[in-house]
N, C-alpha and C. Protein backbone atom coordinates (compact mmCIF):
# COMPACT_ATOMS: atom_id res chain seq x y z
N MET A 1 128.80 103.35 99.76
CA MET A 1 128.41 101.99 99.43
C MET A 1 127.83 101.95 98.02
N LYS A 2 128.30 101.01 97.23
CA LYS A 2 127.85 100.89 95.84
C LYS A 2 127.10 99.59 95.64
N ILE A 3 125.85 99.71 95.19
CA ILE A 3 125.02 98.55 94.88
C ILE A 3 124.84 98.49 93.37
N GLU A 4 125.28 97.40 92.76
CA GLU A 4 125.11 97.21 91.32
C GLU A 4 124.06 96.13 91.10
N ILE A 5 123.12 96.43 90.23
CA ILE A 5 122.03 95.49 89.97
C ILE A 5 121.91 95.26 88.47
N TRP A 6 122.15 94.03 88.04
CA TRP A 6 121.88 93.67 86.65
C TRP A 6 120.40 93.30 86.56
N SER A 7 119.70 93.95 85.65
CA SER A 7 118.25 93.70 85.56
C SER A 7 117.74 94.03 84.16
N ASP A 8 116.51 93.61 83.92
CA ASP A 8 115.82 93.92 82.67
C ASP A 8 114.38 94.27 83.06
N ILE A 9 113.84 95.31 82.44
CA ILE A 9 112.46 95.69 82.78
C ILE A 9 111.46 94.65 82.31
N MET A 10 111.89 93.68 81.51
CA MET A 10 111.02 92.57 81.14
C MET A 10 110.78 91.62 82.32
N CYS A 11 111.57 91.77 83.38
CA CYS A 11 111.62 90.80 84.47
C CYS A 11 110.82 91.25 85.69
N PRO A 12 109.69 90.60 85.99
CA PRO A 12 108.91 90.98 87.18
C PRO A 12 109.66 90.74 88.48
N TRP A 13 110.56 89.75 88.50
CA TRP A 13 111.34 89.50 89.71
C TRP A 13 112.27 90.68 90.00
N CYS A 14 112.73 91.34 88.95
CA CYS A 14 113.58 92.52 89.14
C CYS A 14 112.77 93.66 89.77
N TYR A 15 111.53 93.79 89.38
CA TYR A 15 110.64 94.81 89.95
C TYR A 15 110.44 94.54 91.44
N ILE A 16 110.19 93.28 91.78
CA ILE A 16 110.03 92.90 93.18
C ILE A 16 111.32 93.16 93.95
N GLY A 17 112.46 92.81 93.33
CA GLY A 17 113.75 93.04 93.97
C GLY A 17 114.00 94.51 94.24
N LYS A 18 113.63 95.38 93.31
CA LYS A 18 113.82 96.82 93.51
C LYS A 18 112.99 97.31 94.69
N ALA A 19 111.75 96.85 94.78
CA ALA A 19 110.90 97.27 95.89
C ALA A 19 111.48 96.82 97.23
N ARG A 20 112.02 95.62 97.26
CA ARG A 20 112.62 95.11 98.51
C ARG A 20 113.88 95.90 98.86
N LEU A 21 114.67 96.24 97.86
CA LEU A 21 115.87 97.05 98.10
C LEU A 21 115.48 98.41 98.66
N ASP A 22 114.47 99.03 98.09
CA ASP A 22 114.03 100.34 98.57
C ASP A 22 113.62 100.27 100.05
N LYS A 23 112.92 99.20 100.41
CA LYS A 23 112.53 99.03 101.82
C LYS A 23 113.74 98.88 102.72
N ALA A 24 114.71 98.08 102.27
CA ALA A 24 115.90 97.84 103.08
C ALA A 24 116.71 99.11 103.27
N ILE A 25 116.85 99.90 102.21
CA ILE A 25 117.59 101.17 102.31
C ILE A 25 116.91 102.09 103.31
N GLU A 26 115.58 102.14 103.25
CA GLU A 26 114.84 102.99 104.19
C GLU A 26 115.01 102.50 105.62
N GLN A 27 114.99 101.18 105.82
CA GLN A 27 115.13 100.62 107.16
C GLN A 27 116.51 100.89 107.76
N VAL A 28 117.55 100.70 106.93
CA VAL A 28 118.91 100.89 107.41
C VAL A 28 119.20 102.36 107.67
N GLY A 29 118.60 103.22 106.86
CA GLY A 29 118.76 104.65 107.08
C GLY A 29 120.10 105.21 106.67
N ARG A 30 120.80 104.52 105.76
CA ARG A 30 122.09 105.01 105.29
C ARG A 30 121.89 106.03 104.18
N ASP A 31 122.69 107.08 104.19
CA ASP A 31 122.58 108.09 103.15
C ASP A 31 123.77 108.05 102.19
N ASP A 32 124.55 106.97 102.25
CA ASP A 32 125.73 106.85 101.39
C ASP A 32 125.58 105.73 100.37
N VAL A 33 124.33 105.37 100.04
CA VAL A 33 124.07 104.25 99.14
C VAL A 33 123.96 104.76 97.70
N GLU A 34 124.81 104.23 96.84
CA GLU A 34 124.74 104.53 95.41
C GLU A 34 124.22 103.28 94.70
N VAL A 35 123.08 103.40 94.05
CA VAL A 35 122.50 102.28 93.31
C VAL A 35 122.81 102.46 91.82
N VAL A 36 123.48 101.47 91.25
CA VAL A 36 123.85 101.51 89.83
C VAL A 36 123.09 100.40 89.10
N TRP A 37 122.28 100.80 88.13
CA TRP A 37 121.51 99.82 87.37
C TRP A 37 122.29 99.40 86.14
N ARG A 38 122.63 98.11 86.07
CA ARG A 38 123.37 97.56 84.96
C ARG A 38 122.42 96.88 83.97
N SER A 39 122.77 96.97 82.71
CA SER A 39 121.91 96.44 81.65
C SER A 39 122.07 94.93 81.48
N PHE A 40 120.93 94.29 81.23
CA PHE A 40 120.89 92.85 80.93
C PHE A 40 119.65 92.62 80.08
N GLU A 41 119.81 91.99 78.94
CA GLU A 41 118.68 91.71 78.05
C GLU A 41 118.30 90.24 78.15
N LEU A 42 117.12 89.99 78.66
CA LEU A 42 116.64 88.62 78.74
C LEU A 42 116.33 88.05 77.36
N ARG A 43 115.86 88.91 76.47
CA ARG A 43 115.48 88.48 75.12
C ARG A 43 116.07 89.46 74.11
N PRO A 44 117.38 89.41 73.89
CA PRO A 44 118.02 90.39 73.00
C PRO A 44 117.52 90.33 71.56
N ASP A 45 116.96 89.19 71.14
CA ASP A 45 116.47 89.06 69.77
C ASP A 45 114.99 89.37 69.63
N GLN A 46 114.36 89.77 70.73
CA GLN A 46 112.92 90.07 70.69
C GLN A 46 112.69 91.34 69.85
N PRO A 47 111.70 91.35 68.98
CA PRO A 47 111.43 92.54 68.16
C PRO A 47 110.82 93.67 69.00
N ARG A 48 110.81 94.85 68.43
CA ARG A 48 110.22 96.01 69.11
C ARG A 48 108.70 96.00 69.05
N THR A 49 108.16 95.25 68.12
CA THR A 49 106.70 95.18 67.98
C THR A 49 106.15 94.03 68.82
N PRO A 50 105.17 94.29 69.69
CA PRO A 50 104.62 93.22 70.53
C PRO A 50 104.02 92.10 69.70
N GLY A 51 104.25 90.88 70.15
CA GLY A 51 103.69 89.71 69.47
C GLY A 51 102.94 88.84 70.45
N ALA A 52 103.46 87.65 70.69
CA ALA A 52 102.81 86.71 71.60
C ALA A 52 102.85 87.24 73.04
N THR A 53 101.89 86.81 73.84
CA THR A 53 101.91 87.15 75.25
C THR A 53 103.00 86.34 75.95
N LEU A 54 103.34 86.77 77.16
CA LEU A 54 104.34 86.04 77.93
C LEU A 54 103.88 84.61 78.19
N GLY A 55 102.60 84.45 78.50
CA GLY A 55 102.06 83.11 78.74
C GLY A 55 102.19 82.22 77.52
N GLU A 56 101.88 82.78 76.35
CA GLU A 56 101.97 82.00 75.12
C GLU A 56 103.43 81.61 74.84
N MET A 57 104.35 82.53 75.10
CA MET A 57 105.76 82.24 74.88
C MET A 57 106.25 81.14 75.82
N MET A 58 105.82 81.19 77.07
CA MET A 58 106.24 80.19 78.04
C MET A 58 105.66 78.82 77.69
N ARG A 59 104.48 78.81 77.16
CA ARG A 59 103.88 77.53 76.75
C ARG A 59 104.60 76.97 75.53
N ASP A 60 104.90 77.85 74.56
CA ASP A 60 105.52 77.39 73.32
C ASP A 60 106.98 77.00 73.50
N LYS A 61 107.72 77.80 74.25
CA LYS A 61 109.17 77.61 74.36
C LYS A 61 109.59 76.74 75.54
N LEU A 62 108.79 76.78 76.62
CA LEU A 62 109.16 76.02 77.82
C LEU A 62 108.28 74.80 78.03
N GLY A 63 107.23 74.71 77.24
CA GLY A 63 106.35 73.55 77.34
C GLY A 63 105.42 73.58 78.54
N LEU A 64 105.23 74.77 79.13
CA LEU A 64 104.34 74.87 80.29
C LEU A 64 102.88 74.76 79.83
N LYS A 65 102.05 74.23 80.71
CA LYS A 65 100.63 74.14 80.43
C LYS A 65 99.94 75.40 80.91
N ASP A 66 98.71 75.61 80.42
CA ASP A 66 97.97 76.82 80.79
C ASP A 66 97.88 76.99 82.30
N GLY A 67 97.55 75.92 82.98
CA GLY A 67 97.40 75.99 84.44
C GLY A 67 98.69 76.36 85.14
N GLU A 68 99.82 75.92 84.59
CA GLU A 68 101.11 76.23 85.20
C GLU A 68 101.46 77.70 85.07
N THR A 69 101.17 78.29 83.91
CA THR A 69 101.45 79.72 83.75
C THR A 69 100.51 80.55 84.64
N VAL A 70 99.27 80.14 84.74
CA VAL A 70 98.32 80.85 85.60
C VAL A 70 98.79 80.81 87.05
N GLU A 71 99.24 79.66 87.49
CA GLU A 71 99.73 79.50 88.86
C GLU A 71 100.96 80.36 89.11
N LEU A 72 101.90 80.36 88.15
CA LEU A 72 103.10 81.16 88.30
C LEU A 72 102.78 82.64 88.31
N PHE A 73 101.92 83.08 87.41
CA PHE A 73 101.57 84.50 87.34
C PHE A 73 100.88 84.96 88.62
N GLU A 74 100.07 84.09 89.21
CA GLU A 74 99.40 84.43 90.45
C GLU A 74 100.41 84.52 91.59
N LYS A 75 101.39 83.63 91.59
CA LYS A 75 102.44 83.69 92.62
C LYS A 75 103.18 85.02 92.55
N VAL A 76 103.54 85.43 91.34
CA VAL A 76 104.25 86.70 91.16
C VAL A 76 103.36 87.86 91.58
N ARG A 77 102.08 87.80 91.24
CA ARG A 77 101.15 88.87 91.62
C ARG A 77 101.10 89.04 93.14
N VAL A 78 101.00 87.92 93.84
CA VAL A 78 100.90 87.96 95.30
C VAL A 78 102.20 88.48 95.91
N LEU A 79 103.34 88.00 95.43
CA LEU A 79 104.62 88.47 95.95
C LEU A 79 104.80 89.96 95.69
N GLY A 80 104.35 90.41 94.52
CA GLY A 80 104.43 91.84 94.22
C GLY A 80 103.52 92.65 95.12
N GLU A 81 102.33 92.13 95.37
CA GLU A 81 101.36 92.83 96.22
C GLU A 81 101.92 93.04 97.62
N VAL A 82 102.66 92.06 98.13
CA VAL A 82 103.29 92.18 99.45
C VAL A 82 104.22 93.38 99.49
N GLU A 83 104.87 93.68 98.35
CA GLU A 83 105.82 94.79 98.28
C GLU A 83 105.16 96.08 97.81
N GLY A 84 103.83 96.07 97.70
CA GLY A 84 103.13 97.28 97.29
C GLY A 84 103.07 97.48 95.78
N LEU A 85 103.28 96.41 95.03
CA LEU A 85 103.30 96.51 93.57
C LEU A 85 102.05 95.88 92.97
N ASP A 86 101.71 96.33 91.78
CA ASP A 86 100.59 95.77 91.03
C ASP A 86 101.17 95.17 89.74
N ILE A 87 101.43 93.87 89.75
CA ILE A 87 102.03 93.18 88.61
C ILE A 87 100.99 92.30 87.96
N ARG A 88 100.74 92.54 86.68
CA ARG A 88 99.70 91.81 85.96
C ARG A 88 100.33 91.14 84.73
N LEU A 89 100.79 89.91 84.91
CA LEU A 89 101.53 89.25 83.85
C LEU A 89 100.63 88.70 82.74
N THR A 90 99.38 88.45 83.05
CA THR A 90 98.46 88.01 82.00
C THR A 90 98.24 89.18 81.04
N GLY A 91 98.58 88.99 79.81
CA GLY A 91 98.44 90.06 78.83
C GLY A 91 99.74 90.79 78.52
N VAL A 92 100.78 90.57 79.33
CA VAL A 92 102.09 91.17 79.04
C VAL A 92 102.64 90.57 77.75
N ARG A 93 103.17 91.44 76.89
CA ARG A 93 103.76 91.01 75.63
C ARG A 93 105.22 91.47 75.57
N PRO A 94 106.17 90.54 75.71
CA PRO A 94 107.59 90.91 75.72
C PRO A 94 108.02 91.61 74.43
N VAL A 95 108.89 92.59 74.59
CA VAL A 95 109.46 93.32 73.46
C VAL A 95 110.95 93.53 73.73
N ASN A 96 111.63 94.13 72.79
CA ASN A 96 113.05 94.42 72.94
C ASN A 96 113.25 95.54 73.94
N SER A 97 114.20 95.38 74.84
CA SER A 97 114.40 96.37 75.91
C SER A 97 115.66 97.21 75.71
N PHE A 98 116.31 97.10 74.55
CA PHE A 98 117.60 97.77 74.36
C PHE A 98 117.50 99.30 74.48
N ASP A 99 116.51 99.89 73.85
CA ASP A 99 116.38 101.36 73.92
C ASP A 99 116.01 101.82 75.33
N ALA A 100 115.21 101.05 76.01
CA ALA A 100 114.89 101.38 77.40
C ALA A 100 116.15 101.34 78.26
N GLN A 101 116.99 100.34 78.01
CA GLN A 101 118.26 100.24 78.75
C GLN A 101 119.14 101.47 78.47
N ARG A 102 119.15 101.94 77.23
CA ARG A 102 119.95 103.13 76.90
C ARG A 102 119.45 104.35 77.67
N LEU A 103 118.14 104.48 77.80
CA LEU A 103 117.59 105.62 78.52
C LEU A 103 117.92 105.57 80.01
N VAL A 104 118.02 104.38 80.55
CA VAL A 104 118.41 104.27 81.96
C VAL A 104 119.83 104.81 82.16
N HIS A 105 120.70 104.58 81.20
CA HIS A 105 122.05 105.13 81.29
C HIS A 105 122.01 106.66 81.20
N LEU A 106 121.17 107.19 80.33
CA LEU A 106 120.99 108.65 80.28
C LEU A 106 120.49 109.17 81.62
N ALA A 107 119.50 108.50 82.18
CA ALA A 107 118.91 108.93 83.45
C ALA A 107 119.93 108.91 84.58
N ALA A 108 120.86 107.97 84.52
CA ALA A 108 121.86 107.86 85.59
C ALA A 108 122.72 109.12 85.69
N GLU A 109 122.90 109.82 84.59
CA GLU A 109 123.74 111.01 84.60
C GLU A 109 123.14 112.15 85.41
N SER A 110 121.84 112.11 85.60
CA SER A 110 121.17 113.15 86.40
C SER A 110 120.54 112.58 87.66
N GLY A 111 120.96 111.37 88.05
CA GLY A 111 120.46 110.77 89.28
C GLY A 111 119.02 110.30 89.21
N LEU A 112 118.52 110.04 88.00
CA LEU A 112 117.11 109.67 87.84
C LEU A 112 116.91 108.22 87.40
N ALA A 113 117.97 107.43 87.39
CA ALA A 113 117.85 106.05 86.92
C ALA A 113 116.90 105.24 87.80
N HIS A 114 117.00 105.41 89.12
CA HIS A 114 116.16 104.65 90.05
C HIS A 114 114.68 104.95 89.79
N ARG A 115 114.36 106.22 89.59
CA ARG A 115 112.98 106.61 89.31
C ARG A 115 112.53 106.07 87.96
N LEU A 116 113.39 106.18 86.95
CA LEU A 116 112.99 105.73 85.61
C LEU A 116 112.78 104.22 85.59
N LYS A 117 113.66 103.47 86.26
CA LYS A 117 113.47 102.02 86.31
C LYS A 117 112.10 101.67 86.90
N ASP A 118 111.74 102.33 87.96
CA ASP A 118 110.46 102.07 88.60
C ASP A 118 109.30 102.35 87.64
N ASP A 119 109.39 103.47 86.94
CA ASP A 119 108.32 103.84 86.01
C ASP A 119 108.26 102.88 84.82
N LEU A 120 109.41 102.46 84.33
CA LEU A 120 109.41 101.51 83.21
C LEU A 120 108.82 100.17 83.61
N PHE A 121 109.17 99.70 84.80
CA PHE A 121 108.57 98.46 85.31
C PHE A 121 107.06 98.59 85.35
N ARG A 122 106.57 99.69 85.91
CA ARG A 122 105.13 99.89 86.06
C ARG A 122 104.43 99.96 84.70
N VAL A 123 104.99 100.73 83.80
CA VAL A 123 104.38 100.91 82.48
C VAL A 123 104.27 99.58 81.74
N TYR A 124 105.28 98.74 81.91
CA TYR A 124 105.28 97.45 81.21
C TYR A 124 104.49 96.38 81.95
N LEU A 125 104.78 96.20 83.23
CA LEU A 125 104.24 95.06 83.97
C LEU A 125 102.83 95.29 84.53
N LYS A 126 102.42 96.53 84.64
CA LYS A 126 101.06 96.82 85.11
C LYS A 126 100.17 97.31 83.97
N GLU A 127 100.71 98.27 83.20
CA GLU A 127 99.88 98.92 82.18
C GLU A 127 99.98 98.26 80.82
N HIS A 128 100.93 97.34 80.65
CA HIS A 128 101.10 96.58 79.41
C HIS A 128 101.37 97.46 78.20
N GLN A 129 102.07 98.56 78.41
CA GLN A 129 102.45 99.41 77.29
C GLN A 129 103.70 98.86 76.62
N ASN A 130 103.89 99.23 75.37
CA ASN A 130 105.04 98.76 74.59
C ASN A 130 106.26 99.62 74.92
N VAL A 131 107.13 99.10 75.76
CA VAL A 131 108.30 99.87 76.20
C VAL A 131 109.45 99.81 75.21
N ALA A 132 109.19 99.32 74.01
CA ALA A 132 110.14 99.45 72.91
C ALA A 132 109.72 100.59 71.97
N ASP A 133 108.50 101.05 72.12
CA ASP A 133 107.98 102.13 71.30
C ASP A 133 108.58 103.46 71.77
N HIS A 134 109.12 104.23 70.84
CA HIS A 134 109.81 105.46 71.23
C HIS A 134 108.88 106.50 71.83
N ASP A 135 107.64 106.55 71.41
CA ASP A 135 106.70 107.49 72.00
C ASP A 135 106.43 107.14 73.46
N VAL A 136 106.25 105.86 73.73
CA VAL A 136 106.03 105.40 75.11
C VAL A 136 107.26 105.70 75.96
N LEU A 137 108.42 105.40 75.42
CA LEU A 137 109.66 105.65 76.16
C LEU A 137 109.85 107.14 76.42
N ALA A 138 109.57 107.97 75.44
CA ALA A 138 109.74 109.41 75.62
C ALA A 138 108.80 109.95 76.69
N ARG A 139 107.54 109.50 76.66
CA ARG A 139 106.58 109.96 77.67
C ARG A 139 107.01 109.52 79.07
N THR A 140 107.43 108.28 79.18
CA THR A 140 107.82 107.73 80.47
C THR A 140 109.06 108.43 81.01
N ALA A 141 110.03 108.65 80.14
CA ALA A 141 111.29 109.27 80.57
C ALA A 141 111.10 110.73 80.98
N THR A 142 110.32 111.47 80.21
CA THR A 142 110.11 112.88 80.56
C THR A 142 109.26 113.00 81.82
N ALA A 143 108.31 112.09 82.01
CA ALA A 143 107.52 112.10 83.23
C ALA A 143 108.38 111.82 84.46
N ALA A 144 109.47 111.07 84.24
CA ALA A 144 110.40 110.76 85.33
C ALA A 144 111.37 111.91 85.61
N GLY A 145 111.32 112.94 84.76
CA GLY A 145 112.14 114.11 85.01
C GLY A 145 113.27 114.34 84.02
N LEU A 146 113.42 113.46 83.02
CA LEU A 146 114.48 113.65 82.04
C LEU A 146 114.12 114.76 81.06
N ASP A 147 115.14 115.42 80.54
CA ASP A 147 114.93 116.48 79.57
C ASP A 147 114.43 115.90 78.25
N ALA A 148 113.36 116.47 77.72
CA ALA A 148 112.73 115.93 76.51
C ALA A 148 113.67 115.95 75.32
N ASP A 149 114.47 117.01 75.18
CA ASP A 149 115.40 117.08 74.05
C ASP A 149 116.49 116.01 74.17
N ASP A 150 116.97 115.78 75.39
CA ASP A 150 117.98 114.74 75.60
C ASP A 150 117.41 113.37 75.27
N VAL A 151 116.19 113.13 75.68
CA VAL A 151 115.55 111.84 75.41
C VAL A 151 115.38 111.63 73.91
N ALA A 152 114.91 112.67 73.22
CA ALA A 152 114.71 112.58 71.77
C ALA A 152 116.03 112.32 71.06
N ARG A 153 117.09 112.98 71.52
CA ARG A 153 118.40 112.79 70.90
C ARG A 153 118.88 111.35 71.06
N VAL A 154 118.73 110.80 72.25
CA VAL A 154 119.17 109.43 72.50
C VAL A 154 118.37 108.44 71.65
N LEU A 155 117.07 108.61 71.61
CA LEU A 155 116.23 107.67 70.87
C LEU A 155 116.44 107.77 69.37
N ALA A 156 116.87 108.93 68.89
CA ALA A 156 117.09 109.11 67.46
C ALA A 156 118.42 108.54 66.98
N GLY A 157 119.32 108.25 67.90
CA GLY A 157 120.64 107.75 67.53
C GLY A 157 121.01 106.48 68.28
N ASP A 158 122.30 106.33 68.53
CA ASP A 158 122.77 105.13 69.23
C ASP A 158 123.52 105.46 70.52
N ALA A 159 123.25 106.64 71.08
CA ALA A 159 123.90 107.03 72.33
C ALA A 159 123.65 106.00 73.41
N TYR A 160 124.69 105.69 74.18
CA TYR A 160 124.66 104.75 75.31
C TYR A 160 124.55 103.29 74.89
N ALA A 161 124.56 103.03 73.59
CA ALA A 161 124.56 101.63 73.15
C ALA A 161 125.81 100.93 73.65
N ALA A 162 126.94 101.62 73.58
CA ALA A 162 128.19 101.02 74.05
C ALA A 162 128.15 100.75 75.54
N ASP A 163 127.44 101.61 76.30
CA ASP A 163 127.33 101.40 77.74
C ASP A 163 126.52 100.15 78.06
N VAL A 164 125.46 99.95 77.30
CA VAL A 164 124.65 98.74 77.48
C VAL A 164 125.49 97.50 77.18
N ARG A 165 126.23 97.55 76.09
CA ARG A 165 127.05 96.40 75.72
C ARG A 165 128.17 96.16 76.74
N GLU A 166 128.70 97.23 77.30
CA GLU A 166 129.74 97.07 78.31
C GLU A 166 129.17 96.41 79.57
N ASP A 167 127.99 96.83 79.99
CA ASP A 167 127.34 96.18 81.14
C ASP A 167 127.18 94.69 80.88
N GLU A 168 126.76 94.34 79.67
CA GLU A 168 126.54 92.94 79.34
C GLU A 168 127.85 92.17 79.29
N ALA A 169 128.91 92.83 78.84
CA ALA A 169 130.22 92.18 78.81
C ALA A 169 130.74 91.96 80.23
N VAL A 170 130.55 92.94 81.10
CA VAL A 170 130.97 92.80 82.49
C VAL A 170 130.17 91.69 83.16
N ALA A 171 128.88 91.58 82.82
CA ALA A 171 128.04 90.51 83.37
C ALA A 171 128.64 89.14 83.06
N VAL A 172 129.11 88.96 81.84
CA VAL A 172 129.72 87.69 81.45
C VAL A 172 130.98 87.43 82.28
N ARG A 173 131.81 88.46 82.43
CA ARG A 173 133.06 88.31 83.19
C ARG A 173 132.80 88.00 84.65
N ARG A 174 131.70 88.51 85.18
CA ARG A 174 131.41 88.32 86.61
C ARG A 174 130.45 87.17 86.87
N GLY A 175 130.14 86.42 85.84
CA GLY A 175 129.32 85.23 86.01
C GLY A 175 127.84 85.48 86.18
N VAL A 176 127.37 86.61 85.70
CA VAL A 176 125.94 86.93 85.79
C VAL A 176 125.23 86.26 84.62
N THR A 177 124.34 85.33 84.94
CA THR A 177 123.62 84.60 83.90
C THR A 177 122.10 84.82 83.96
N GLY A 178 121.63 85.47 84.99
CA GLY A 178 120.20 85.74 85.13
C GLY A 178 119.99 86.99 85.95
N VAL A 179 118.76 87.44 85.99
CA VAL A 179 118.44 88.66 86.74
C VAL A 179 117.23 88.44 87.65
N PRO A 180 117.19 89.21 88.76
CA PRO A 180 118.17 90.22 89.17
C PRO A 180 119.42 89.57 89.77
N THR A 181 120.56 90.20 89.53
CA THR A 181 121.81 89.83 90.19
C THR A 181 122.37 91.09 90.85
N VAL A 182 122.68 90.97 92.13
CA VAL A 182 123.04 92.15 92.93
C VAL A 182 124.43 91.99 93.52
N PHE A 183 125.23 93.04 93.41
CA PHE A 183 126.54 93.11 94.05
C PHE A 183 126.55 94.31 94.99
N VAL A 184 127.02 94.11 96.20
CA VAL A 184 127.18 95.21 97.16
C VAL A 184 128.67 95.38 97.41
N ASP A 185 129.19 96.54 97.01
CA ASP A 185 130.63 96.80 97.09
C ASP A 185 131.44 95.66 96.48
N GLY A 186 130.97 95.18 95.33
CA GLY A 186 131.70 94.16 94.59
C GLY A 186 131.45 92.73 95.02
N VAL A 187 130.65 92.54 96.07
CA VAL A 187 130.38 91.19 96.57
C VAL A 187 128.95 90.80 96.18
N ARG A 188 128.83 89.65 95.53
CA ARG A 188 127.51 89.18 95.10
C ARG A 188 126.71 88.70 96.30
N ILE A 189 125.44 89.07 96.33
CA ILE A 189 124.59 88.62 97.44
C ILE A 189 123.48 87.73 96.90
N ALA A 190 123.10 86.75 97.67
CA ALA A 190 121.94 85.89 97.48
C ALA A 190 121.54 85.63 96.04
N GLY A 191 121.50 84.37 95.67
CA GLY A 191 121.00 84.02 94.35
C GLY A 191 119.50 84.28 94.26
N GLY A 192 119.02 84.54 93.06
CA GLY A 192 117.61 84.83 92.90
C GLY A 192 117.27 86.23 93.37
N VAL A 193 116.05 86.40 93.87
CA VAL A 193 115.59 87.71 94.32
C VAL A 193 115.86 87.84 95.82
N PRO A 194 116.78 88.71 96.23
CA PRO A 194 117.04 88.84 97.67
C PRO A 194 115.79 89.29 98.42
N THR A 195 115.65 88.80 99.63
CA THR A 195 114.57 89.26 100.49
C THR A 195 114.93 90.62 101.07
N VAL A 196 113.97 91.27 101.70
CA VAL A 196 114.26 92.54 102.39
C VAL A 196 115.31 92.30 103.46
N GLU A 197 115.21 91.18 104.15
CA GLU A 197 116.15 90.86 105.22
C GLU A 197 117.57 90.66 104.67
N GLN A 198 117.68 90.00 103.53
CA GLN A 198 119.00 89.79 102.93
C GLN A 198 119.61 91.11 102.47
N PHE A 199 118.78 91.96 101.88
CA PHE A 199 119.26 93.29 101.51
C PHE A 199 119.69 94.08 102.76
N HIS A 200 118.86 94.00 103.79
CA HIS A 200 119.13 94.72 105.04
C HIS A 200 120.47 94.29 105.62
N TRP A 201 120.70 92.99 105.66
CA TRP A 201 121.95 92.47 106.21
C TRP A 201 123.13 92.94 105.39
N ALA A 202 123.02 92.86 104.05
CA ALA A 202 124.12 93.26 103.18
C ALA A 202 124.43 94.74 103.34
N LEU A 203 123.40 95.57 103.47
CA LEU A 203 123.60 97.00 103.63
C LEU A 203 124.22 97.32 104.99
N ALA A 204 123.78 96.61 106.01
CA ALA A 204 124.30 96.86 107.35
C ALA A 204 125.75 96.42 107.49
N GLU A 205 126.12 95.35 106.78
CA GLU A 205 127.46 94.80 106.90
C GLU A 205 128.49 95.53 106.03
N ALA A 206 128.04 96.08 104.93
CA ALA A 206 128.98 96.70 103.98
C ALA A 206 129.51 98.02 104.51
N GLY A 207 130.71 98.34 104.08
CA GLY A 207 131.30 99.65 104.39
C GLY A 207 131.60 99.84 105.85
């Protein structure tokens, strides 16, 4: 069974979706599940240097009021807490995720993409570290089990850039316009963030 997930580590809903998927896989007890993380950039033009907070960006670009962002951030915090996550959106500063996406492709070659995605989500959404900074990325990737020399080589060049762009091109062809978007054996499931039950049903029915 192949599960493809288009996501961006900038996205707290993707973090929640990953936690729900992990629960569903454990509940179903299948050992033939292949999870493939596909690249998607929510803010491809975002610089690598942190600037405005997420709240400030939402107020400036979406016209939300302070109280509305506080309410939304609290909703995400509570939903994350239900899944065992600690998501702290107040103080998060969006950055470019392209290099992080490249490292996920590197990690996939050694079966470590799932672990690295989890660590990148945590480092960004809980610890508020700059996940566009190469030192932060190198520490996070090696802690997840990736070879330090391989990580340094990727960050120093453009390895896996074409893979990221191909994921994004496939997203366009398959109608993916937001994240998380999940396909199980080529079939798209539930718009938005699937629940544990929706993941469970899709896993039980597939294959």
